[in-house]
Structures are given as structure tokens and as C-alpha cells.
N, C-alpha and C. Protein backbone atom coordinates (compact mmCIF):
# COMPACT_ATOMS: atom_id res chain seq x y z
N UNK A 1 -62.24 68.05 -90.96
CA UNK A 1 -61.56 69.27 -91.38
C UNK A 1 -61.00 69.91 -90.12
N UNK A 2 -60.55 70.91 -89.80
CA UNK A 2 -60.15 71.52 -88.56
C UNK A 2 -59.13 70.78 -87.72
N UNK A 3 -58.86 69.53 -88.02
CA UNK A 3 -57.92 68.73 -87.23
C UNK A 3 -56.61 68.60 -88.02
N UNK A 4 -55.53 68.98 -87.40
CA UNK A 4 -54.22 68.93 -88.07
C UNK A 4 -53.55 67.61 -87.73
N UNK A 5 -53.10 66.92 -88.75
CA UNK A 5 -52.38 65.67 -88.55
C UNK A 5 -51.00 65.81 -89.18
N UNK A 6 -49.98 65.47 -88.43
CA UNK A 6 -48.62 65.57 -88.92
C UNK A 6 -47.97 64.20 -88.83
N UNK A 7 -47.37 63.76 -89.92
CA UNK A 7 -46.70 62.46 -89.92
C UNK A 7 -45.24 62.69 -89.58
N UNK A 8 -44.76 62.03 -88.55
CA UNK A 8 -43.38 62.18 -88.13
C UNK A 8 -42.87 60.85 -87.63
N UNK A 9 -41.80 60.35 -88.20
CA UNK A 9 -41.20 59.09 -87.79
C UNK A 9 -42.20 57.94 -87.78
N UNK A 10 -43.12 57.95 -88.73
CA UNK A 10 -44.07 56.86 -88.84
C UNK A 10 -45.22 56.94 -87.84
N UNK A 11 -45.32 58.02 -87.09
CA UNK A 11 -46.40 58.18 -86.12
C UNK A 11 -47.30 59.32 -86.56
N UNK A 12 -48.54 59.25 -86.19
CA UNK A 12 -49.45 60.35 -86.45
C UNK A 12 -49.67 61.10 -85.14
N UNK A 13 -49.66 62.41 -85.24
CA UNK A 13 -49.80 63.25 -84.05
C UNK A 13 -50.94 64.22 -84.25
N UNK A 14 -51.81 64.31 -83.29
CA UNK A 14 -52.85 65.33 -83.31
C UNK A 14 -52.61 66.22 -82.10
N UNK A 15 -52.85 67.51 -82.24
CA UNK A 15 -52.56 68.44 -81.14
C UNK A 15 -53.24 68.10 -79.82
N UNK A 16 -54.34 67.38 -79.84
CA UNK A 16 -55.07 67.08 -78.61
C UNK A 16 -54.77 65.67 -78.07
N UNK A 17 -53.75 65.01 -78.62
CA UNK A 17 -53.44 63.65 -78.19
C UNK A 17 -53.00 63.62 -76.73
N UNK A 18 -53.49 62.63 -76.01
CA UNK A 18 -53.18 62.49 -74.59
C UNK A 18 -51.74 62.03 -74.38
N UNK A 19 -51.13 62.49 -73.30
CA UNK A 19 -49.81 62.01 -72.92
C UNK A 19 -50.01 60.74 -72.11
N UNK A 20 -49.93 59.61 -72.78
CA UNK A 20 -50.30 58.34 -72.16
C UNK A 20 -49.12 57.58 -71.57
N UNK A 21 -47.89 57.99 -71.86
CA UNK A 21 -46.72 57.27 -71.35
C UNK A 21 -46.18 58.03 -70.14
N UNK A 22 -46.38 57.44 -68.94
CA UNK A 22 -46.00 58.11 -67.69
C UNK A 22 -44.82 57.41 -67.03
N UNK A 23 -43.94 58.22 -66.47
CA UNK A 23 -42.79 57.70 -65.74
C UNK A 23 -43.29 57.14 -64.41
N UNK A 24 -42.87 55.94 -64.08
CA UNK A 24 -43.31 55.33 -62.83
C UNK A 24 -42.55 55.88 -61.62
N UNK A 25 -41.52 56.68 -61.85
CA UNK A 25 -40.75 57.27 -60.76
C UNK A 25 -41.25 58.66 -60.39
N UNK A 26 -41.44 59.51 -61.41
CA UNK A 26 -41.78 60.91 -61.12
C UNK A 26 -43.12 61.35 -61.70
N UNK A 27 -43.82 60.46 -62.40
CA UNK A 27 -45.15 60.73 -62.96
C UNK A 27 -45.14 61.73 -64.13
N UNK A 28 -43.98 62.10 -64.67
CA UNK A 28 -43.95 62.96 -65.84
C UNK A 28 -44.50 62.17 -67.02
N UNK A 29 -45.30 62.82 -67.88
CA UNK A 29 -45.98 62.11 -68.96
C UNK A 29 -45.50 62.58 -70.33
N UNK A 30 -45.55 61.66 -71.28
CA UNK A 30 -45.10 61.91 -72.64
C UNK A 30 -46.10 61.38 -73.65
N UNK A 31 -46.14 62.01 -74.80
CA UNK A 31 -47.04 61.60 -75.87
C UNK A 31 -46.56 60.31 -76.52
N UNK A 32 -45.24 60.18 -76.65
CA UNK A 32 -44.67 59.01 -77.31
C UNK A 32 -43.80 58.21 -76.35
N UNK A 33 -43.73 56.92 -76.59
CA UNK A 33 -42.91 56.02 -75.78
C UNK A 33 -41.43 56.41 -75.85
N UNK A 34 -40.99 56.90 -77.00
CA UNK A 34 -39.60 57.32 -77.17
C UNK A 34 -39.25 58.49 -76.23
N UNK A 35 -40.19 59.38 -76.00
CA UNK A 35 -39.97 60.49 -75.08
C UNK A 35 -39.79 60.00 -73.66
N UNK A 36 -40.59 59.03 -73.27
CA UNK A 36 -40.46 58.44 -71.93
C UNK A 36 -39.13 57.71 -71.80
N UNK A 37 -38.73 56.98 -72.84
CA UNK A 37 -37.46 56.26 -72.81
C UNK A 37 -36.29 57.24 -72.63
N UNK A 38 -36.31 58.34 -73.38
CA UNK A 38 -35.24 59.33 -73.26
C UNK A 38 -35.23 59.95 -71.86
N UNK A 39 -36.39 60.24 -71.32
CA UNK A 39 -36.51 60.79 -69.98
C UNK A 39 -35.88 59.86 -68.94
N UNK A 40 -36.23 58.58 -69.01
CA UNK A 40 -35.70 57.61 -68.04
C UNK A 40 -34.19 57.44 -68.18
N UNK A 41 -33.71 57.44 -69.41
CA UNK A 41 -32.29 57.20 -69.65
C UNK A 41 -31.42 58.39 -69.26
N UNK A 42 -31.87 59.61 -69.54
CA UNK A 42 -31.01 60.78 -69.37
C UNK A 42 -31.41 61.73 -68.26
N UNK A 43 -32.66 61.70 -67.81
CA UNK A 43 -33.12 62.75 -66.92
C UNK A 43 -33.59 62.30 -65.55
N UNK A 44 -34.48 61.34 -65.50
CA UNK A 44 -35.16 61.00 -64.25
C UNK A 44 -34.18 60.52 -63.18
N UNK A 45 -34.14 61.24 -62.08
CA UNK A 45 -33.30 60.85 -60.95
C UNK A 45 -31.82 61.09 -61.14
N UNK A 46 -31.45 61.75 -62.21
CA UNK A 46 -30.03 61.98 -62.49
C UNK A 46 -29.66 63.43 -62.21
N UNK A 47 -28.46 63.63 -61.72
CA UNK A 47 -27.94 64.97 -61.48
C UNK A 47 -27.44 65.56 -62.80
N UNK A 48 -27.59 66.87 -62.98
CA UNK A 48 -27.04 67.49 -64.19
C UNK A 48 -25.53 67.33 -64.22
N UNK A 49 -24.98 66.94 -65.36
CA UNK A 49 -23.55 66.71 -65.46
C UNK A 49 -22.81 67.75 -66.28
N UNK A 50 -23.54 68.65 -66.93
CA UNK A 50 -22.90 69.67 -67.75
C UNK A 50 -23.04 71.03 -67.07
N UNK A 51 -21.91 71.63 -66.71
CA UNK A 51 -21.85 72.92 -66.02
C UNK A 51 -21.48 74.00 -67.02
N UNK A 52 -22.24 75.08 -67.04
CA UNK A 52 -21.92 76.21 -67.90
C UNK A 52 -20.64 76.87 -67.40
N UNK A 53 -19.70 77.18 -68.30
CA UNK A 53 -18.46 77.81 -67.87
C UNK A 53 -18.62 79.29 -67.53
N UNK A 54 -19.82 79.86 -67.76
CA UNK A 54 -20.04 81.29 -67.55
C UNK A 54 -20.99 81.63 -66.42
N UNK A 55 -21.77 80.67 -65.97
CA UNK A 55 -22.76 80.94 -64.93
C UNK A 55 -23.08 79.65 -64.18
N UNK A 56 -23.90 79.70 -63.15
CA UNK A 56 -24.21 78.50 -62.35
C UNK A 56 -25.13 77.48 -63.04
N UNK A 57 -25.62 77.76 -64.22
CA UNK A 57 -26.55 76.86 -64.91
C UNK A 57 -25.93 75.49 -65.14
N UNK A 58 -26.73 74.44 -64.91
CA UNK A 58 -26.33 73.06 -65.18
C UNK A 58 -27.42 72.40 -66.00
N UNK A 59 -27.02 71.44 -66.84
CA UNK A 59 -28.02 70.70 -67.62
C UNK A 59 -27.67 69.22 -67.63
N UNK A 60 -28.67 68.43 -67.94
CA UNK A 60 -28.50 66.98 -67.98
C UNK A 60 -28.05 66.50 -69.35
N UNK A 61 -28.21 67.34 -70.37
CA UNK A 61 -27.85 66.94 -71.73
C UNK A 61 -26.94 67.99 -72.37
N UNK A 62 -25.97 67.52 -73.14
CA UNK A 62 -25.00 68.40 -73.79
C UNK A 62 -25.69 69.36 -74.77
N UNK A 63 -26.67 68.87 -75.50
CA UNK A 63 -27.37 69.72 -76.47
C UNK A 63 -28.08 70.88 -75.78
N UNK A 64 -28.64 70.62 -74.60
CA UNK A 64 -29.30 71.68 -73.84
C UNK A 64 -28.28 72.72 -73.40
N UNK A 65 -27.09 72.29 -73.02
CA UNK A 65 -26.04 73.23 -72.62
C UNK A 65 -25.59 74.09 -73.80
N UNK A 66 -25.46 73.48 -74.98
CA UNK A 66 -25.09 74.24 -76.17
C UNK A 66 -26.13 75.32 -76.46
N UNK A 67 -27.39 74.94 -76.37
CA UNK A 67 -28.47 75.89 -76.61
C UNK A 67 -28.43 77.01 -75.59
N UNK A 68 -28.20 76.68 -74.33
CA UNK A 68 -28.10 77.69 -73.26
C UNK A 68 -27.00 78.69 -73.57
N UNK A 69 -25.82 78.20 -73.91
CA UNK A 69 -24.69 79.09 -74.18
C UNK A 69 -24.99 80.00 -75.37
N UNK A 70 -25.56 79.44 -76.42
CA UNK A 70 -25.89 80.25 -77.60
C UNK A 70 -26.95 81.30 -77.28
N UNK A 71 -27.99 80.90 -76.57
CA UNK A 71 -29.10 81.82 -76.29
C UNK A 71 -28.78 82.85 -75.22
N UNK A 72 -28.07 82.45 -74.19
CA UNK A 72 -27.83 83.35 -73.06
C UNK A 72 -26.53 84.12 -73.20
N UNK A 73 -25.46 83.42 -73.46
CA UNK A 73 -24.15 84.06 -73.43
C UNK A 73 -23.69 84.60 -74.78
N UNK A 74 -24.24 84.08 -75.86
CA UNK A 74 -23.90 84.60 -77.18
C UNK A 74 -25.04 85.41 -77.77
N UNK A 75 -26.09 85.61 -77.00
CA UNK A 75 -27.27 86.33 -77.46
C UNK A 75 -26.98 87.75 -77.90
N UNK A 76 -26.00 88.41 -77.27
CA UNK A 76 -25.68 89.78 -77.63
C UNK A 76 -24.98 89.87 -78.98
N UNK A 77 -24.64 88.74 -79.57
CA UNK A 77 -24.03 88.73 -80.89
C UNK A 77 -25.04 88.49 -82.00
N UNK A 78 -26.33 88.50 -81.66
CA UNK A 78 -27.36 88.08 -82.62
C UNK A 78 -27.38 88.94 -83.88
N UNK A 79 -27.03 90.21 -83.81
CA UNK A 79 -27.04 91.06 -84.99
C UNK A 79 -25.65 91.27 -85.57
N UNK A 80 -24.72 90.48 -85.15
CA UNK A 80 -23.34 90.64 -85.56
C UNK A 80 -22.97 89.61 -86.63
N UNK A 81 -21.92 89.89 -87.37
CA UNK A 81 -21.44 88.94 -88.37
C UNK A 81 -20.88 87.69 -87.70
N UNK A 82 -20.58 87.75 -86.41
CA UNK A 82 -20.04 86.61 -85.69
C UNK A 82 -21.09 85.56 -85.39
N UNK A 83 -22.34 85.85 -85.65
CA UNK A 83 -23.44 84.94 -85.32
C UNK A 83 -23.66 83.90 -86.43
N UNK A 84 -22.69 83.63 -87.24
CA UNK A 84 -22.82 82.60 -88.26
C UNK A 84 -22.57 81.24 -87.64
N UNK A 85 -23.01 80.20 -88.33
CA UNK A 85 -22.80 78.84 -87.81
C UNK A 85 -21.33 78.54 -87.61
N UNK A 86 -20.49 79.03 -88.50
CA UNK A 86 -19.06 78.76 -88.40
C UNK A 86 -18.49 79.35 -87.11
N UNK A 87 -18.85 80.58 -86.79
CA UNK A 87 -18.33 81.22 -85.58
C UNK A 87 -18.91 80.57 -84.32
N UNK A 88 -20.17 80.20 -84.35
CA UNK A 88 -20.78 79.55 -83.20
C UNK A 88 -20.09 78.22 -82.93
N UNK A 89 -19.82 77.46 -83.98
CA UNK A 89 -19.11 76.19 -83.81
C UNK A 89 -17.72 76.42 -83.24
N UNK A 90 -17.05 77.47 -83.67
CA UNK A 90 -15.72 77.78 -83.15
C UNK A 90 -15.79 78.14 -81.67
N UNK A 91 -16.80 78.90 -81.28
CA UNK A 91 -16.96 79.27 -79.87
C UNK A 91 -17.33 78.06 -79.03
N UNK A 92 -18.19 77.20 -79.57
CA UNK A 92 -18.55 75.98 -78.83
C UNK A 92 -17.33 75.09 -78.66
N UNK A 93 -16.50 75.04 -79.68
CA UNK A 93 -15.28 74.25 -79.59
C UNK A 93 -14.37 74.81 -78.51
N UNK A 94 -14.34 76.13 -78.40
CA UNK A 94 -13.53 76.78 -77.37
C UNK A 94 -14.00 76.37 -75.98
N UNK A 95 -15.30 76.14 -75.83
CA UNK A 95 -15.86 75.73 -74.53
C UNK A 95 -15.94 74.22 -74.40
N UNK A 96 -15.33 73.48 -75.33
CA UNK A 96 -15.30 72.02 -75.31
C UNK A 96 -16.68 71.40 -75.31
N UNK A 97 -17.57 71.89 -76.14
CA UNK A 97 -18.95 71.38 -76.18
C UNK A 97 -19.21 70.56 -77.44
N UNK A 98 -18.22 70.21 -78.18
CA UNK A 98 -18.44 69.41 -79.40
C UNK A 98 -18.62 67.96 -79.09
């Protein structure tokens, strides 16, 4: 009882599961092999390639840059009618993030 198990993508995850997949370059550890694979392919030893058009922030993945722009630069629109998915997509398109 007391132990939460969540089924996701055919894997079982428990909150106390060890991060057993370690990067041999930087020693960063992941719970799943897929996380390590993504780290090696997109992050480890790579320079950020996405530059924010509004500030010095850089990211290694496009999705992270989209999240940054929405959270940091569009955050003041959170209570506005412009904060709909349609308007966010239009603004992202304006910044060439599609």
C-alpha cells in the first residue's frame, strides 16, 4: 500500500527508483535509458543552438526555447485574452519557433 506505481510507455515507475543510466561523459544520471539517449543526442557536450530574440538566454532544444519565451516574455499576458493557444502560436510563429 503506500507505494505509487504509474504505468507509462510500458514501464513501471516508482518514486524511489534509482537513476541507473549514467552518461559516461558527464556522469549525469537518468531513470530510463531513453532519457540518457536523449541527453547524449541533444545535450551532452553540445553548445546551445537556439538564441532567444529578447534576451541572452540560449537553449539546446527548440521546445525549451518555446517554453522560455512563453513563461518569461509572454508571462505578463497570463490574465489577458491574448493568452489563448491561438495567440501563443501566432506569436511563436512571429519568432520563427514553429
